[in-house]
Amino acid sequence: MSVRCACGQKNPPEARYCLACGQLLGAKLPRETRFVSVVFFDLANSTEAFRQGLSPAYRRLREALEEAAGRARARGGFVHRFLGDGVLVFFGAPRSQGLEPWRALAAAWDMVRHSPFPARAGVASGEALWGPLGSGYAGEPTLLGPPVNLAERLSKLAAPGEVLTEATTLRLAPGAEGALLGSREVKGMGQVPVYRLVRLALDLPPHRRPLLQTLEARLLTERRLVVHGPAGSGKSFLLEVFRERRARGLPFPTVRLQRMGPEMPLRATLYRAVTEAFGAPEALLRNLPGDLAEALAYSLGLAPRPPWEKRALDEAILAAWREALMGLKTPLLLLLQDLHYPDRTLERFLERMPENLLVLAESRRPLFPARLGLEGLEAPPPPAPP
């Protein structure tokens, strides 16, 4: 039975967090310290729009803010709140996807450049407390901490068309370049070095660039490869660059599965991946026999659970996916991100996967015999809960 969140979203029964808004489902809201990046987007001089009348101005401002929010979501941001003529976006809460500082800068860059009104944004990163302000059972969680306040202050310091940020965010976003504007007095924080974002590219540090060639060569010969290393060692960024630069040149499509864990059930992850790669799940279902089609539809969240014993259902799901993928006309690259604690059914599938499948995984553990290890921390690991 699905679980409906207060925001109206229906969620799979095993989901802990709402897939739409990120709120914890049916339990006391947690309180934890997280490393986050925060974007505060602001429409500059928006009061001038009201010269045309309240209703036309409201419509235009709403469309501009919704456009900005959509661009933030496309970069993996959590749109926490609309504040007057501004938007507050979190990266790293309620869920972390990796590359938070880079994603935040990319989102702010997109939001400002594509705004129909003059706009500006501030981006800041650091530790913040994610939790509720009320009793813990009602309301919604929020972020409290220096990066939230600093992002808002930087936005107010920016001129229309600018994205301002600080040193931590730039240091943790390879490919981003900023022009130092000097130290500015930030209310409540003293003098803070402020940078204007001038360039943003998805670029590896020089010492990591040879890994791209190694990764591609080994993947094509070994078919199943894991990029592993400690938190903050650059695994996510390496795979993101590979996906943007290399995977596009491979002669077969790529399916990406992201963030598999209690707050993102496997079936929700599978459904999103299938729709991105094939447009509609029917492309995989149409040639399967009845029982296998039913099992595959359930695994995608498209049908209720068949009345089968658990072991029989797991076997049917595995058989359905193997047959569906073997029926594809071209090989397929399966890109598995955040595979730190893989679902057991997925583990079994990878142990005996179809011949036309290549797998590239990211994990903190060396899951496969073919491994590409990354050592050394290049970003602070997520802090432990208090």
Protein backbone atom coordinates (compact mmCIF):
# COMPACT_ATOMS: atom_id res chain seq x y z
CA MET A 1 0.00 0.00 0.00
CA SER A 2 1.43 3.38 -0.96
CA VAL A 3 2.11 6.06 1.64
CA ARG A 4 0.72 9.51 0.93
CA CYS A 5 2.74 12.48 2.14
CA ALA A 6 1.19 15.70 3.45
CA CYS A 7 2.25 17.33 0.17
CA GLY A 8 0.01 14.89 -1.75
CA GLN A 9 2.73 12.67 -3.24
CA LYS A 10 2.14 8.89 -3.21
CA ASN A 11 5.23 6.96 -2.13
CA PRO A 12 6.17 3.24 -2.18
CA PRO A 13 5.49 1.49 1.16
CA GLU A 14 9.19 1.13 2.03
CA ALA A 15 10.00 4.82 1.44
CA ARG A 16 11.20 6.74 4.50
CA TYR A 17 11.22 10.14 2.82
CA CYS A 18 8.73 11.63 0.36
CA LEU A 19 10.05 11.34 -3.20
CA ALA A 20 8.62 14.78 -4.05
CA CYS A 21 9.33 17.04 -1.06
CA GLY A 22 11.85 15.04 1.01
CA GLN A 23 9.83 15.08 4.24
CA LEU A 24 10.12 12.08 6.54
CA LEU A 25 7.01 9.87 6.28
CA GLY A 26 5.00 8.89 9.34
CA ALA A 27 7.69 9.30 11.96
CA LYS A 28 9.45 11.84 14.09
CA LEU A 29 11.54 14.15 11.95
CA PRO A 30 15.28 13.58 12.43
CA ARG A 31 17.86 16.16 13.50
CA GLU A 32 21.30 15.79 11.98
CA THR A 33 24.33 17.80 10.95
CA ARG A 34 25.05 17.83 7.22
CA PHE A 35 27.55 19.34 4.83
CA VAL A 36 25.40 21.34 2.40
CA SER A 37 25.50 23.93 -0.32
CA VAL A 38 22.79 26.58 -0.34
CA VAL A 39 21.48 28.78 -3.16
CA PHE A 40 19.53 31.95 -2.52
CA PHE A 41 18.09 33.25 -5.80
CA ASP A 42 16.58 36.72 -5.91
CA LEU A 43 14.78 38.75 -8.57
CA ALA A 44 16.30 42.24 -8.64
CA ASN A 45 14.02 45.30 -8.83
CA SER A 46 10.93 43.10 -9.06
CA THR A 47 8.72 45.86 -7.66
CA GLU A 48 8.89 47.59 -11.05
CA ALA A 49 6.76 44.79 -12.48
CA PHE A 50 3.81 45.95 -10.39
CA ARG A 51 3.50 49.13 -12.45
CA GLN A 52 1.58 46.97 -14.94
CA GLY A 53 -0.96 45.97 -12.29
CA LEU A 54 -1.13 43.35 -9.56
CA SER A 55 -2.51 40.44 -11.56
CA PRO A 56 -0.13 40.69 -14.56
CA ALA A 57 2.84 41.23 -12.22
CA TYR A 58 1.90 38.26 -10.05
CA ARG A 59 1.60 36.01 -13.10
CA ARG A 60 4.97 37.07 -14.54
CA LEU A 61 6.78 36.82 -11.21
CA ARG A 62 5.29 33.42 -10.50
CA GLU A 63 6.38 32.12 -13.90
CA ALA A 64 9.90 33.49 -13.36
CA LEU A 65 10.24 31.86 -9.94
CA GLU A 66 8.83 28.54 -11.15
CA GLU A 67 11.29 28.60 -14.05
CA ALA A 68 14.16 29.19 -11.62
CA ALA A 69 12.94 26.41 -9.31
CA GLY A 70 12.73 23.99 -12.25
CA ARG A 71 16.33 24.69 -13.19
CA ALA A 72 17.43 24.09 -9.60
CA ARG A 73 15.59 20.75 -9.50
CA ALA A 74 17.22 19.72 -12.78
CA ARG A 75 20.60 20.03 -11.02
CA GLY A 76 19.44 17.91 -8.09
CA GLY A 77 18.47 20.74 -5.75
CA PHE A 78 15.72 20.62 -3.13
CA VAL A 79 13.53 23.72 -3.51
CA HIS A 80 12.79 24.43 0.12
CA ARG A 81 10.82 27.64 -0.07
CA PHE A 82 9.70 30.62 -2.15
CA LEU A 83 10.44 33.80 -0.18
CA GLY A 84 8.74 36.83 -1.71
CA ASP A 85 10.60 37.27 -5.01
CA GLY A 86 13.29 34.73 -4.10
CA VAL A 87 13.88 30.97 -4.02
CA LEU A 88 15.80 29.05 -1.34
CA VAL A 89 17.40 25.81 -2.58
CA PHE A 90 19.36 23.16 -0.67
CA PHE A 91 21.94 20.73 -2.04
CA GLY A 92 22.82 17.94 0.38
CA ALA A 93 19.57 18.01 2.36
CA PRO A 94 17.31 16.15 2.72
CA ARG A 95 19.35 13.88 0.39
CA SER A 96 22.94 14.02 -0.74
CA GLN A 97 23.76 13.23 -4.37
CA GLY A 98 27.43 14.19 -4.36
CA LEU A 99 29.02 17.18 -6.09
CA GLU A 100 26.88 19.51 -3.96
CA PRO A 101 29.03 22.67 -4.36
CA TRP A 102 29.32 22.19 -8.13
CA ARG A 103 25.60 21.43 -8.49
CA ALA A 104 24.70 24.51 -6.46
CA LEU A 105 26.88 26.80 -8.57
CA ALA A 106 25.56 25.25 -11.79
CA ALA A 107 21.96 25.72 -10.61
CA ALA A 108 22.55 29.34 -9.59
CA TRP A 109 24.28 30.02 -12.93
CA ASP A 110 21.34 28.55 -14.86
CA MET A 111 18.73 30.34 -12.74
CA VAL A 112 20.31 33.76 -13.20
CA ARG A 113 21.17 33.44 -16.90
CA HIS A 114 17.72 32.22 -17.93
CA SER A 115 15.61 34.51 -15.75
CA PRO A 116 13.17 36.74 -17.68
CA PHE A 117 13.77 39.40 -15.00
CA PRO A 118 17.13 40.74 -13.84
CA ALA A 119 18.23 38.25 -11.18
CA ARG A 120 21.11 37.47 -8.84
CA ALA A 121 22.14 34.62 -6.55
CA GLY A 122 24.36 33.77 -3.59
CA VAL A 123 25.90 30.33 -2.99
CA ALA A 124 27.54 29.14 0.23
CA SER A 125 28.67 25.77 1.60
CA GLY A 126 29.38 24.35 5.03
CA GLU A 127 27.92 22.48 7.96
CA ALA A 128 24.30 23.09 8.89
CA LEU A 129 21.73 21.48 11.12
CA TRP A 130 18.89 19.72 9.28
CA GLY A 131 15.86 19.23 11.50
CA PRO A 132 12.46 20.48 12.60
CA LEU A 133 11.82 23.68 14.52
CA GLY A 134 8.65 22.35 16.18
CA SER A 135 7.99 19.23 18.19
CA GLY A 136 9.54 16.97 15.59
CA TYR A 137 6.24 15.44 14.49
CA ALA A 138 4.67 18.38 12.68
CA GLY A 139 5.68 21.01 10.21
CA GLU A 140 8.71 20.53 7.97
CA PRO A 141 12.45 20.21 8.55
CA THR A 142 14.71 23.09 7.61
CA LEU A 143 18.40 24.00 7.57
CA LEU A 144 19.93 26.18 10.26
CA GLY A 145 23.50 27.35 10.07
CA PRO A 146 26.08 29.71 8.55
CA PRO A 147 25.75 28.62 4.87
CA VAL A 148 22.04 29.47 4.84
CA ASN A 149 22.61 32.96 6.22
CA LEU A 150 25.68 33.57 4.07
CA ALA A 151 23.94 32.57 0.82
CA GLU A 152 21.17 35.08 1.54
CA ARG A 153 23.68 37.84 2.38
CA LEU A 154 25.72 37.14 -0.77
CA SER A 155 22.59 37.37 -2.88
CA LYS A 156 21.87 40.84 -1.52
CA LEU A 157 25.45 41.93 -2.28
CA ALA A 158 25.26 40.72 -5.90
CA ALA A 159 24.46 42.97 -8.81
CA PRO A 160 21.80 41.87 -11.32
CA GLY A 161 23.21 39.05 -13.44
CA GLU A 162 25.82 38.01 -10.87
CA VAL A 163 26.35 34.83 -8.87
CA LEU A 164 28.43 35.48 -5.75
CA THR A 165 30.02 32.75 -3.67
CA GLU A 166 32.75 32.12 -1.11
CA ALA A 167 36.03 30.22 -0.90
CA THR A 168 34.75 26.86 0.40
CA THR A 169 32.26 26.43 -2.43
CA LEU A 170 34.82 27.32 -5.10
CA ARG A 171 37.45 25.01 -3.60
CA LEU A 172 35.08 22.03 -3.69
CA ALA A 173 33.75 22.67 -7.23
CA PRO A 174 36.44 21.69 -9.79
CA GLY A 175 35.90 23.56 -13.05
CA ALA A 176 34.43 26.63 -11.35
CA GLU A 177 36.37 29.89 -11.46
CA GLY A 178 35.68 33.02 -9.47
CA ALA A 179 36.98 36.58 -9.51
CA LEU A 180 37.87 37.82 -6.04
CA LEU A 181 35.97 41.02 -5.30
CA GLY A 182 37.72 41.50 -1.98
CA SER A 183 36.46 41.12 1.55
CA ARG A 184 32.98 42.41 2.21
CA GLU A 185 31.28 43.11 5.48
CA VAL A 186 28.59 40.46 5.92
CA LYS A 187 26.07 41.19 8.64
CA GLY A 188 26.69 38.92 11.62
CA MET A 189 29.78 37.29 10.05
CA GLY A 190 32.36 40.04 9.77
CA GLN A 191 34.66 40.33 6.77
CA VAL A 192 34.17 37.53 4.21
CA PRO A 193 36.17 37.11 0.95
CA VAL A 194 33.59 37.26 -1.85
CA TYR A 195 33.96 35.83 -5.35
CA ARG A 196 31.95 36.46 -8.51
CA LEU A 197 31.44 33.30 -10.56
CA VAL A 198 32.99 33.85 -14.00
CA ARG A 199 33.30 30.34 -15.43
CA LEU A 200 31.72 26.98 -14.79
CA ALA A 201 32.77 23.75 -16.47
CA LEU A 202 32.67 20.09 -15.59
CA ASP A 203 36.41 19.64 -15.35
CA LEU A 204 38.68 17.23 -13.50
CA PRO A 205 41.82 18.35 -11.70
CA PRO A 206 44.90 17.65 -13.88
CA HIS A 207 46.06 14.67 -11.83
CA ARG A 208 42.65 12.97 -12.29
CA ARG A 209 42.33 13.37 -16.07
CA PRO A 210 44.28 10.21 -17.01
CA LEU A 211 41.69 8.23 -15.07
CA LEU A 212 39.11 8.91 -17.78
CA GLN A 213 41.08 6.97 -20.39
CA THR A 214 41.81 4.19 -17.88
CA LEU A 215 38.17 3.97 -16.87
CA GLU A 216 36.87 3.73 -20.44
CA ALA A 217 39.49 1.18 -21.57
CA ARG A 218 38.92 -1.11 -18.60
CA LEU A 219 35.14 -0.87 -18.84
CA LEU A 220 35.13 -2.01 -22.46
CA THR A 221 37.39 -4.97 -21.74
CA GLU A 222 36.12 -6.09 -18.32
CA ARG A 223 32.40 -5.14 -18.68
CA ARG A 224 31.92 -4.70 -14.92
CA LEU A 225 33.96 -2.06 -13.12
CA VAL A 226 33.63 -0.32 -9.75
CA VAL A 227 35.16 3.07 -8.92
CA HIS A 228 35.69 2.92 -5.17
CA GLY A 229 37.21 5.04 -2.44
CA PRO A 230 36.40 6.90 0.77
CA ALA A 231 33.80 9.64 1.04
CA GLY A 232 34.99 12.81 -0.66
CA SER A 233 37.66 11.12 -2.82
CA GLY A 234 36.10 12.30 -6.09
CA LYS A 235 34.17 9.20 -7.21
CA SER A 236 30.95 11.04 -8.05
CA PHE A 237 32.74 13.77 -9.93
CA LEU A 238 34.77 11.31 -12.01
CA LEU A 239 31.61 9.45 -13.03
CA GLU A 240 29.78 12.69 -13.77
CA VAL A 241 32.56 13.81 -16.10
CA PHE A 242 32.61 10.36 -17.72
CA ARG A 243 28.86 10.53 -18.29
CA GLU A 244 29.01 14.02 -19.78
CA ARG A 245 32.11 13.58 -21.95
CA ARG A 246 32.75 9.90 -22.61
CA ALA A 247 29.46 8.06 -22.33
CA ARG A 248 27.97 10.22 -25.08
CA GLY A 249 30.60 8.90 -27.48
CA LEU A 250 30.00 5.23 -26.73
CA PRO A 251 27.99 3.33 -29.38
CA PHE A 252 25.19 2.35 -26.98
CA PRO A 253 22.80 4.09 -24.57
CA THR A 254 23.41 4.72 -20.88
CA VAL A 255 20.96 4.06 -18.04
CA ARG A 256 21.81 5.77 -14.77
CA LEU A 257 20.59 4.60 -11.37
CA GLN A 258 21.17 7.15 -8.61
CA ARG A 259 20.92 7.23 -4.84
CA MET A 260 19.68 3.79 -3.82
CA GLY A 261 18.83 3.53 -0.14
CA PRO A 262 15.96 3.60 2.36
CA GLU A 263 14.89 7.10 1.31
CA MET A 264 14.95 6.22 -2.41
CA PRO A 265 13.50 2.73 -2.95
CA LEU A 266 14.92 0.67 -5.80
CA ARG A 267 11.63 0.64 -7.72
CA ALA A 268 11.46 4.44 -7.72
CA THR A 269 15.07 4.62 -8.90
CA LEU A 270 14.40 2.05 -11.63
CA TYR A 271 11.31 3.86 -12.86
CA ARG A 272 13.14 7.17 -13.17
CA ALA A 273 16.05 5.51 -14.98
CA VAL A 274 13.80 3.65 -17.42
CA THR A 275 11.77 6.74 -18.31
CA GLU A 276 14.98 8.74 -18.89
CA ALA A 277 16.46 6.06 -21.13
CA PHE A 278 13.42 4.70 -23.02
CA GLY A 279 10.71 7.33 -22.59
CA ALA A 280 8.08 4.84 -21.43
CA PRO A 281 8.33 1.54 -19.51
CA GLU A 282 6.13 -0.15 -22.12
CA ALA A 283 9.25 -0.47 -24.29
CA LEU A 284 10.51 -3.12 -21.85
CA LEU A 285 7.17 -4.71 -20.98
CA ARG A 286 5.62 -5.36 -24.36
CA ASN A 287 7.57 -8.51 -25.32
CA LEU A 288 7.51 -10.28 -21.94
CA PRO A 289 5.18 -13.17 -21.10
CA GLY A 290 2.41 -12.50 -18.58
CA ASP A 291 4.07 -13.44 -15.28
CA LEU A 292 7.34 -11.73 -16.14
CA ALA A 293 5.57 -8.59 -17.35
CA GLU A 294 3.65 -8.50 -14.07
CA ALA A 295 6.85 -8.87 -12.05
CA LEU A 296 8.65 -6.19 -14.05
CA ALA A 297 5.70 -3.80 -13.73
CA TYR A 298 5.71 -4.31 -9.95
CA SER A 299 9.47 -3.67 -9.76
CA LEU A 300 8.87 -0.31 -11.49
CA GLY A 301 6.02 0.65 -9.17
CA LEU A 302 3.46 0.39 -11.99
CA ALA A 303 1.40 -2.47 -10.52
CA PRO A 304 0.48 -3.80 -7.07
CA ARG A 305 2.46 -6.64 -5.55
CA PRO A 306 1.57 -9.98 -7.15
CA PRO A 307 0.19 -12.54 -4.65
CA TRP A 308 3.33 -14.68 -4.80
CA GLU A 309 5.68 -15.93 -2.10
CA LYS A 310 8.64 -13.57 -1.65
CA ARG A 311 11.26 -15.91 -3.04
CA ALA A 312 9.16 -16.63 -6.13
CA LEU A 313 8.58 -12.91 -6.63
CA ASP A 314 12.31 -12.11 -6.37
CA GLU A 315 13.14 -14.83 -8.89
CA ALA A 316 10.46 -13.56 -11.28
CA ILE A 317 11.80 -9.99 -11.03
CA LEU A 318 15.34 -11.17 -11.79
CA ALA A 319 14.17 -13.27 -14.74
CA ALA A 320 12.03 -10.43 -16.08
CA TRP A 321 14.87 -7.91 -16.07
CA ARG A 322 17.32 -10.34 -17.64
CA GLU A 323 14.92 -11.20 -20.46
CA ALA A 324 13.87 -7.57 -21.02
CA LEU A 325 17.46 -6.36 -21.31
CA MET A 326 18.58 -9.29 -23.48
CA GLY A 327 15.80 -8.32 -25.88
CA LEU A 328 17.33 -4.91 -26.55
CA LYS A 329 18.86 -4.42 -29.99
CA THR A 330 22.01 -2.68 -28.72
CA PRO A 331 24.30 -3.11 -25.70
CA LEU A 332 23.51 -1.00 -22.65
CA LEU A 333 25.74 0.77 -20.12
CA LEU A 334 24.34 0.67 -16.58
CA LEU A 335 25.77 3.49 -14.47
CA LEU A 336 25.22 2.84 -10.74
CA GLN A 337 25.86 5.83 -8.48
CA ASP A 338 25.93 5.78 -4.66
CA LEU A 339 25.97 1.97 -4.64
CA HIS A 340 27.26 1.82 -1.07
CA TYR A 341 24.58 -0.54 0.24
CA PRO A 342 23.09 -2.27 -2.82
CA ASP A 343 19.70 -3.93 -2.71
CA ARG A 344 20.10 -7.72 -2.50
CA THR A 345 18.00 -8.29 -5.62
CA LEU A 346 20.23 -5.88 -7.54
CA GLU A 347 23.34 -7.64 -6.19
CA ARG A 348 22.06 -10.98 -7.49
CA PHE A 349 21.27 -9.44 -10.85
CA LEU A 350 24.83 -8.12 -11.16
CA GLU A 351 26.29 -11.50 -10.25
CA ARG A 352 24.75 -13.00 -13.40
CA MET A 353 23.96 -10.13 -15.73
CA PRO A 354 23.02 -10.30 -19.44
CA GLU A 355 25.84 -10.48 -21.97
CA ASN A 356 24.81 -7.21 -23.65
CA LEU A 357 25.17 -5.20 -20.42
CA LEU A 358 28.14 -3.18 -19.17
CA VAL A 359 28.18 -1.93 -15.58
CA LEU A 360 30.06 1.01 -14.12
CA ALA A 361 29.46 1.48 -10.39
CA GLU A 362 30.46 3.99 -7.73
CA SER A 363 30.88 2.75 -4.18
CA ARG A 364 32.86 3.20 -1.01
CA ARG A 365 33.50 -0.55 -1.15
CA PRO A 366 35.33 -2.64 -3.79
CA LEU A 367 32.23 -4.56 -4.92
CA PHE A 368 33.64 -6.19 -8.07
CA PRO A 369 36.97 -7.86 -8.92
CA ALA A 370 37.58 -5.14 -11.55
CA ARG A 371 38.31 -2.02 -9.49
CA LEU A 372 39.52 1.52 -9.98
CA GLY A 373 40.50 2.88 -6.57
CA LEU A 374 40.61 6.54 -5.61
CA GLU A 375 42.53 7.46 -2.50
CA GLY A 376 42.75 10.61 -0.43
CA LEU A 377 40.07 13.07 0.64
CA GLU A 378 39.45 16.02 -1.66
CA ALA A 379 36.33 17.24 0.13
CA PRO A 380 35.17 16.97 3.73
CA PRO A 381 33.15 13.83 4.43
CA PRO A 382 29.58 14.31 5.65
CA PRO A 383 29.69 14.97 9.40
CA ALA A 384 28.22 12.37 11.73
CA PRO A 385 24.79 13.06 13.27
CA PRO A 386 25.00 14.85 16.64
